[in-house]
Amino acid sequence: MDLAEMAHFLDPIIEGRADYTKGNRFLLGKIEETIERMPRVRFFGNWLITAMTKIASGYFKVMDVVDGYTAISKRSIDTVNWSKAWRRYGYPMDFLIRLNAYGLVVLDVPRTAIYLEGERQSQIQGFRYAMQVAPMLVKAFFWRLRFKYIYLDFHPLVLFYYLAFVLIPT
């Protein structure tokens, strides 16, 4: 990760435009370079995990959810109950779910993807990894619905979500 890009992550937080910023290697100006450099299997795995996380977190406009280049405000650290956060690999997705439940603003920041020749890259197998974090995402989705739409502030749509899941088997 290019430390020269750090200001892009900190500025939105300092300016009060975001509570949490995260890297996105697929934003305009970076997408062609990223797609060209990222192995196809990793690209598909990233896309699959991102799709599942969008549904679980409610942040439908975020992309590249596995990107670990992030910054967070002190207010967000103090607001979220991190004691229940996922402690295994996959925590960036869990963070997004928790941030949304507390009504915090997340902003994608374009960043440069760095893939060095001869360097050991991530050994994560995208599809296998997606299947390992899927149960966490499903559980966290329902936690978010309960916490945000029943506990913090009631929203009638939560009843339709639960009703839909009850009626699906029939």
C-alpha atoms as a PDB file:
ATOM      1  CA  MET A   1       0.000   0.000   0.000  1.00  0.00           C
ATOM      2  CA  ASP A   2       1.346   3.365  -1.006  1.00  0.00           C
ATOM      3  CA  LEU A   3       1.799   5.556   2.078  1.00  0.00           C
ATOM      4  CA  ALA A   4       1.832   8.622  -0.187  1.00  0.00           C
ATOM      5  CA  GLU A   5      -1.931   8.067  -0.599  1.00  0.00           C
ATOM      6  CA  MET A   6      -2.622   8.260   3.164  1.00  0.00           C
ATOM      7  CA  ALA A   7      -3.838  11.879   3.016  1.00  0.00           C
ATOM      8  CA  HIS A   8      -6.675  10.753   0.716  1.00  0.00           C
ATOM      9  CA  PHE A   9      -7.886   8.521   3.558  1.00  0.00           C
ATOM     10  CA  LEU A  10      -7.440  11.018   6.390  1.00  0.00           C
ATOM     11  CA  ASP A  11      -8.740  14.218   4.755  1.00  0.00           C
ATOM     12  CA  PRO A  12     -12.427  13.108   4.485  1.00  0.00           C
ATOM     13  CA  ILE A  13     -12.389  12.156   8.180  1.00  0.00           C
ATOM     14  CA  ILE A  14     -10.709  15.387   9.282  1.00  0.00           C
ATOM     15  CA  GLU A  15     -13.153  17.399   7.129  1.00  0.00           C
ATOM     16  CA  GLY A  16     -16.129  15.557   8.675  1.00  0.00           C
ATOM     17  CA  ARG A  17     -17.280  14.013   5.363  1.00  0.00           C
ATOM     18  CA  ALA A  18     -16.734  10.419   6.559  1.00  0.00           C
ATOM     19  CA  ASP A  19     -16.348   8.363   9.701  1.00  0.00           C
ATOM     20  CA  TYR A  20     -14.463   5.535   7.987  1.00  0.00           C
ATOM     21  CA  THR A  21     -12.544   5.525   4.729  1.00  0.00           C
ATOM     22  CA  LYS A  22     -11.510   2.408   2.853  1.00  0.00           C
ATOM     23  CA  GLY A  23      -9.416   1.735  -0.164  1.00  0.00           C
ATOM     24  CA  ASN A  24     -10.987   0.861  -3.468  1.00  0.00           C
ATOM     25  CA  ARG A  25      -8.725  -0.380  -6.247  1.00  0.00           C
ATOM     26  CA  PHE A  26     -11.636  -0.287  -8.725  1.00  0.00           C
ATOM     27  CA  LEU A  27     -12.641   3.380  -8.718  1.00  0.00           C
ATOM     28  CA  LEU A  28     -12.317   5.477 -11.846  1.00  0.00           C
ATOM     29  CA  GLY A  29      -8.752   6.056 -12.866  1.00  0.00           C
ATOM     30  CA  LYS A  30      -7.649   2.831 -11.190  1.00  0.00           C
ATOM     31  CA  ILE A  31     -10.009   0.198 -12.577  1.00  0.00           C
ATOM     32  CA  GLU A  32      -8.194  -0.724 -15.803  1.00  0.00           C
ATOM     33  CA  GLU A  33      -4.854  -0.956 -14.030  1.00  0.00           C
ATOM     34  CA  THR A  34      -6.327  -3.086 -11.240  1.00  0.00           C
ATOM     35  CA  ILE A  35      -8.204  -5.451 -13.542  1.00  0.00           C
ATOM     36  CA  GLU A  36      -5.089  -5.860 -15.654  1.00  0.00           C
ATOM     37  CA  ARG A  37      -2.886  -6.696 -12.660  1.00  0.00           C
ATOM     38  CA  MET A  38      -5.255  -8.688 -10.428  1.00  0.00           C
ATOM     39  CA  PRO A  39      -5.402 -12.438 -11.102  1.00  0.00           C
ATOM     40  CA  ARG A  40      -8.828 -13.426 -12.502  1.00  0.00           C
ATOM     41  CA  VAL A  41      -9.568 -15.847  -9.655  1.00  0.00           C
ATOM     42  CA  ARG A  42      -8.918 -13.111  -7.091  1.00  0.00           C
ATOM     43  CA  PHE A  43     -11.053 -10.673  -9.071  1.00  0.00           C
ATOM     44  CA  PHE A  44     -14.006 -13.107  -9.053  1.00  0.00           C
ATOM     45  CA  GLY A  45     -13.547 -13.856  -5.331  1.00  0.00           C
ATOM     46  CA  ASN A  46     -13.394 -10.142  -4.563  1.00  0.00           C
ATOM     47  CA  TRP A  47     -16.565  -9.542  -6.552  1.00  0.00           C
ATOM     48  CA  LEU A  48     -18.399 -12.415  -4.788  1.00  0.00           C
ATOM     49  CA  ILE A  49     -17.385 -11.293  -1.295  1.00  0.00           C
ATOM     50  CA  THR A  50     -18.235  -7.684  -2.127  1.00  0.00           C
ATOM     51  CA  ALA A  51     -21.717  -8.662  -3.349  1.00  0.00           C
ATOM     52  CA  MET A  52     -22.423 -10.626  -0.163  1.00  0.00           C
ATOM     53  CA  THR A  53     -21.086  -7.789   2.011  1.00  0.00           C
ATOM     54  CA  LYS A  54     -23.193  -5.166   0.237  1.00  0.00           C
ATOM     55  CA  ILE A  55     -26.320  -7.096   1.208  1.00  0.00           C
ATOM     56  CA  ALA A  56     -25.155  -7.825   4.749  1.00  0.00           C
ATOM     57  CA  SER A  57     -23.888  -4.310   5.479  1.00  0.00           C
ATOM     58  CA  GLY A  58     -26.443  -2.188   3.653  1.00  0.00           C
ATOM     59  CA  TYR A  59     -23.644  -0.148   2.076  1.00  0.00           C
ATOM     60  CA  PHE A  60     -24.650  -0.824  -1.511  1.00  0.00           C
ATOM     61  CA  LYS A  61     -22.236   1.679  -3.045  1.00  0.00           C
ATOM     62  CA  VAL A  62     -19.016   0.335  -1.535  1.00  0.00           C
ATOM     63  CA  MET A  63     -16.721  -1.896  -3.542  1.00  0.00           C
ATOM     64  CA  ASP A  64     -13.539  -3.852  -2.892  1.00  0.00           C
ATOM     65  CA  VAL A  65     -14.612  -4.661   0.669  1.00  0.00           C
ATOM     66  CA  VAL A  66     -11.550  -6.828   1.344  1.00  0.00           C
ATOM     67  CA  ASP A  67      -9.180  -3.893   0.868  1.00  0.00           C
ATOM     68  CA  GLY A  68      -7.398  -3.329   4.163  1.00  0.00           C
ATOM     69  CA  TYR A  69      -6.194   0.213   3.520  1.00  0.00           C
ATOM     70  CA  THR A  70      -8.509   2.089   5.892  1.00  0.00           C
ATOM     71  CA  ALA A  71      -8.778   4.977   8.314  1.00  0.00           C
ATOM     72  CA  ILE A  72     -11.325   5.514  11.078  1.00  0.00           C
ATOM     73  CA  SER A  73     -12.347   8.465  13.226  1.00  0.00           C
ATOM     74  CA  LYS A  74     -11.957   8.422  16.990  1.00  0.00           C
ATOM     75  CA  ARG A  75     -15.696   9.037  17.282  1.00  0.00           C
ATOM     76  CA  SER A  76     -16.356   5.813  15.353  1.00  0.00           C
ATOM     77  CA  ILE A  77     -13.945   3.856  17.513  1.00  0.00           C
ATOM     78  CA  ASP A  78     -15.714   5.151  20.617  1.00  0.00           C
ATOM     79  CA  THR A  79     -19.242   4.622  19.204  1.00  0.00           C
ATOM     80  CA  VAL A  80     -19.107   1.024  17.969  1.00  0.00           C
ATOM     81  CA  ASN A  81     -19.110  -1.886  20.407  1.00  0.00           C
ATOM     82  CA  TRP A  82     -16.044  -3.664  19.023  1.00  0.00           C
ATOM     83  CA  SER A  83     -16.100  -6.411  21.672  1.00  0.00           C
ATOM     84  CA  LYS A  84     -18.497  -8.403  19.475  1.00  0.00           C
ATOM     85  CA  ALA A  85     -16.562  -7.838  16.239  1.00  0.00           C
ATOM     86  CA  TRP A  86     -15.354 -10.739  14.112  1.00  0.00           C
ATOM     87  CA  ARG A  87     -11.805 -11.578  15.169  1.00  0.00           C
ATOM     88  CA  ARG A  88     -10.803 -13.761  12.246  1.00  0.00           C
ATOM     89  CA  TYR A  89      -9.787 -12.837   8.752  1.00  0.00           C
ATOM     90  CA  GLY A  90     -12.843 -11.222   7.241  1.00  0.00           C
ATOM     91  CA  TYR A  91     -13.021  -8.440   9.775  1.00  0.00           C
ATOM     92  CA  PRO A  92     -13.200  -5.664   7.104  1.00  0.00           C
ATOM     93  CA  MET A  93     -16.631  -6.957   6.095  1.00  0.00           C
ATOM     94  CA  ASP A  94     -17.778  -7.206   9.718  1.00  0.00           C
ATOM     95  CA  PHE A  95     -16.538  -3.650  10.336  1.00  0.00           C
ATOM     96  CA  LEU A  96     -18.752  -2.375   7.500  1.00  0.00           C
ATOM     97  CA  ILE A  97     -21.789  -4.124   8.967  1.00  0.00           C
ATOM     98  CA  ARG A  98     -21.136  -2.647  12.413  1.00  0.00           C
ATOM     99  CA  LEU A  99     -20.462   0.819  11.032  1.00  0.00           C
ATOM    100  CA  ASN A 100     -23.783   0.801   9.160  1.00  0.00           C
ATOM    101  CA  ALA A 101     -25.688  -0.437  12.212  1.00  0.00           C
ATOM    102  CA  TYR A 102     -24.473   2.612  14.112  1.00  0.00           C
ATOM    103  CA  GLY A 103     -25.319   4.954  11.205  1.00  0.00           C
ATOM    104  CA  LEU A 104     -21.739   5.926  10.397  1.00  0.00           C
ATOM    105  CA  VAL A 105     -20.604   7.239   7.008  1.00  0.00           C
ATOM    106  CA  VAL A 106     -18.225   5.099   4.938  1.00  0.00           C
ATOM    107  CA  LEU A 107     -16.375   6.515   1.956  1.00  0.00           C
ATOM    108  CA  ASP A 108     -14.492   4.595  -0.735  1.00  0.00           C
ATOM    109  CA  VAL A 109     -11.137   6.141  -1.614  1.00  0.00           C
ATOM    110  CA  PRO A 110      -9.385   5.307  -4.898  1.00  0.00           C
ATOM    111  CA  ARG A 111      -6.020   3.739  -4.318  1.00  0.00           C
ATOM    112  CA  THR A 112      -3.271   2.220  -6.381  1.00  0.00           C
ATOM    113  CA  ALA A 113      -3.096  -1.552  -6.484  1.00  0.00           C
ATOM    114  CA  ILE A 114       0.474  -2.702  -6.017  1.00  0.00           C
ATOM    115  CA  TYR A 115       1.368  -6.166  -7.290  1.00  0.00           C
ATOM    116  CA  LEU A 116       5.132  -6.614  -7.359  1.00  0.00           C
ATOM    117  CA  GLU A 117       6.727  -9.202  -9.607  1.00  0.00           C
ATOM    118  CA  GLY A 118       8.332 -12.004  -7.642  1.00  0.00           C
ATOM    119  CA  GLU A 119       6.715 -10.883  -4.381  1.00  0.00           C
ATOM    120  CA  ARG A 120       4.522 -13.303  -2.488  1.00  0.00           C
ATOM    121  CA  GLN A 121       0.943 -12.216  -2.933  1.00  0.00           C
ATOM    122  CA  SER A 122      -2.069 -13.136  -0.835  1.00  0.00           C
ATOM    123  CA  GLN A 123      -2.595 -16.874  -0.569  1.00  0.00           C
ATOM    124  CA  ILE A 124      -6.331 -16.453  -0.070  1.00  0.00           C
ATOM    125  CA  GLN A 125      -8.431 -18.543  -2.410  1.00  0.00           C
ATOM    126  CA  GLY A 126     -11.347 -16.283  -3.290  1.00  0.00           C
ATOM    127  CA  PHE A 127     -14.211 -18.762  -3.607  1.00  0.00           C
ATOM    128  CA  ARG A 128     -13.130 -20.857  -0.627  1.00  0.00           C
ATOM    129  CA  TYR A 129     -12.653 -17.730   1.455  1.00  0.00           C
ATOM    130  CA  ALA A 130     -16.099 -16.442   0.434  1.00  0.00           C
ATOM    131  CA  MET A 131     -17.671 -19.680   1.629  1.00  0.00           C
ATOM    132  CA  GLN A 132     -15.854 -19.389   4.976  1.00  0.00           C
ATOM    133  CA  VAL A 133     -17.046 -15.839   5.654  1.00  0.00           C
ATOM    134  CA  ALA A 134     -20.572 -16.365   4.259  1.00  0.00           C
ATOM    135  CA  PRO A 135     -21.979 -17.708   7.574  1.00  0.00           C
ATOM    136  CA  MET A 136     -20.547 -14.695   9.402  1.00  0.00           C
ATOM    137  CA  LEU A 137     -22.121 -12.347   6.837  1.00  0.00           C
ATOM    138  CA  VAL A 138     -25.554 -13.991   7.176  1.00  0.00           C
ATOM    139  CA  LYS A 139     -25.428 -13.857  10.967  1.00  0.00           C
ATOM    140  CA  ALA A 140     -24.189 -10.248  10.927  1.00  0.00           C
ATOM    141  CA  PHE A 141     -26.939  -9.278   8.447  1.00  0.00           C
ATOM    142  CA  PHE A 142     -29.610 -10.387  10.895  1.00  0.00           C
ATOM    143  CA  TRP A 143     -27.741  -8.750  13.785  1.00  0.00           C
ATOM    144  CA  ARG A 144     -27.721  -5.461  11.836  1.00  0.00           C
ATOM    145  CA  LEU A 145     -31.456  -5.676  11.145  1.00  0.00           C
ATOM    146  CA  ARG A 146     -32.235  -6.315  14.816  1.00  0.00           C
ATOM    147  CA  PHE A 147     -29.819  -3.733  16.170  1.00  0.00           C
ATOM    148  CA  LYS A 148     -30.475  -0.882  13.736  1.00  0.00           C
ATOM    149  CA  TYR A 149     -34.153  -1.361  12.886  1.00  0.00           C
ATOM    150  CA  ILE A 150     -35.580  -2.800  16.095  1.00  0.00           C
ATOM    151  CA  TYR A 151     -33.278  -1.805  18.958  1.00  0.00           C
ATOM    152  CA  LEU A 152     -32.020   1.658  17.919  1.00  0.00           C
ATOM    153  CA  ASP A 153     -34.972   2.852  15.852  1.00  0.00           C
ATOM    154  CA  PHE A 154     -37.909   0.801  14.634  1.00  0.00           C
ATOM    155  CA  HIS A 155     -38.462   0.536  10.894  1.00  0.00           C
ATOM    156  CA  PRO A 156     -41.401  -1.507   9.532  1.00  0.00           C
ATOM    157  CA  LEU A 157     -39.325  -2.906   6.656  1.00  0.00           C
ATOM    158  CA  VAL A 158     -37.574  -5.199   9.129  1.00  0.00           C
ATOM    159  CA  LEU A 159     -40.861  -7.095   9.511  1.00  0.00           C
ATOM    160  CA  PHE A 160     -40.951  -7.744   5.762  1.00  0.00           C
ATOM    161  CA  TYR A 161     -37.374  -9.030   5.802  1.00  0.00           C
ATOM    162  CA  TYR A 162     -38.143 -11.516   8.546  1.00  0.00           C
ATOM    163  CA  LEU A 163     -41.480 -12.485   6.996  1.00  0.00           C
ATOM    164  CA  ALA A 164     -39.760 -13.129   3.660  1.00  0.00           C
ATOM    165  CA  PHE A 165     -37.274 -15.508   5.277  1.00  0.00           C
ATOM    166  CA  VAL A 166     -40.069 -17.349   7.071  1.00  0.00           C
ATOM    167  CA  LEU A 167     -42.073 -17.726   3.854  1.00  0.00           C
ATOM    168  CA  ILE A 168     -39.208 -18.722   1.544  1.00  0.00           C
ATOM    169  CA  PRO A 169     -39.359 -22.441   2.454  1.00  0.00           C
ATOM    170  CA  THR A 170     -43.103 -22.638   1.745  1.00  0.00           C
END
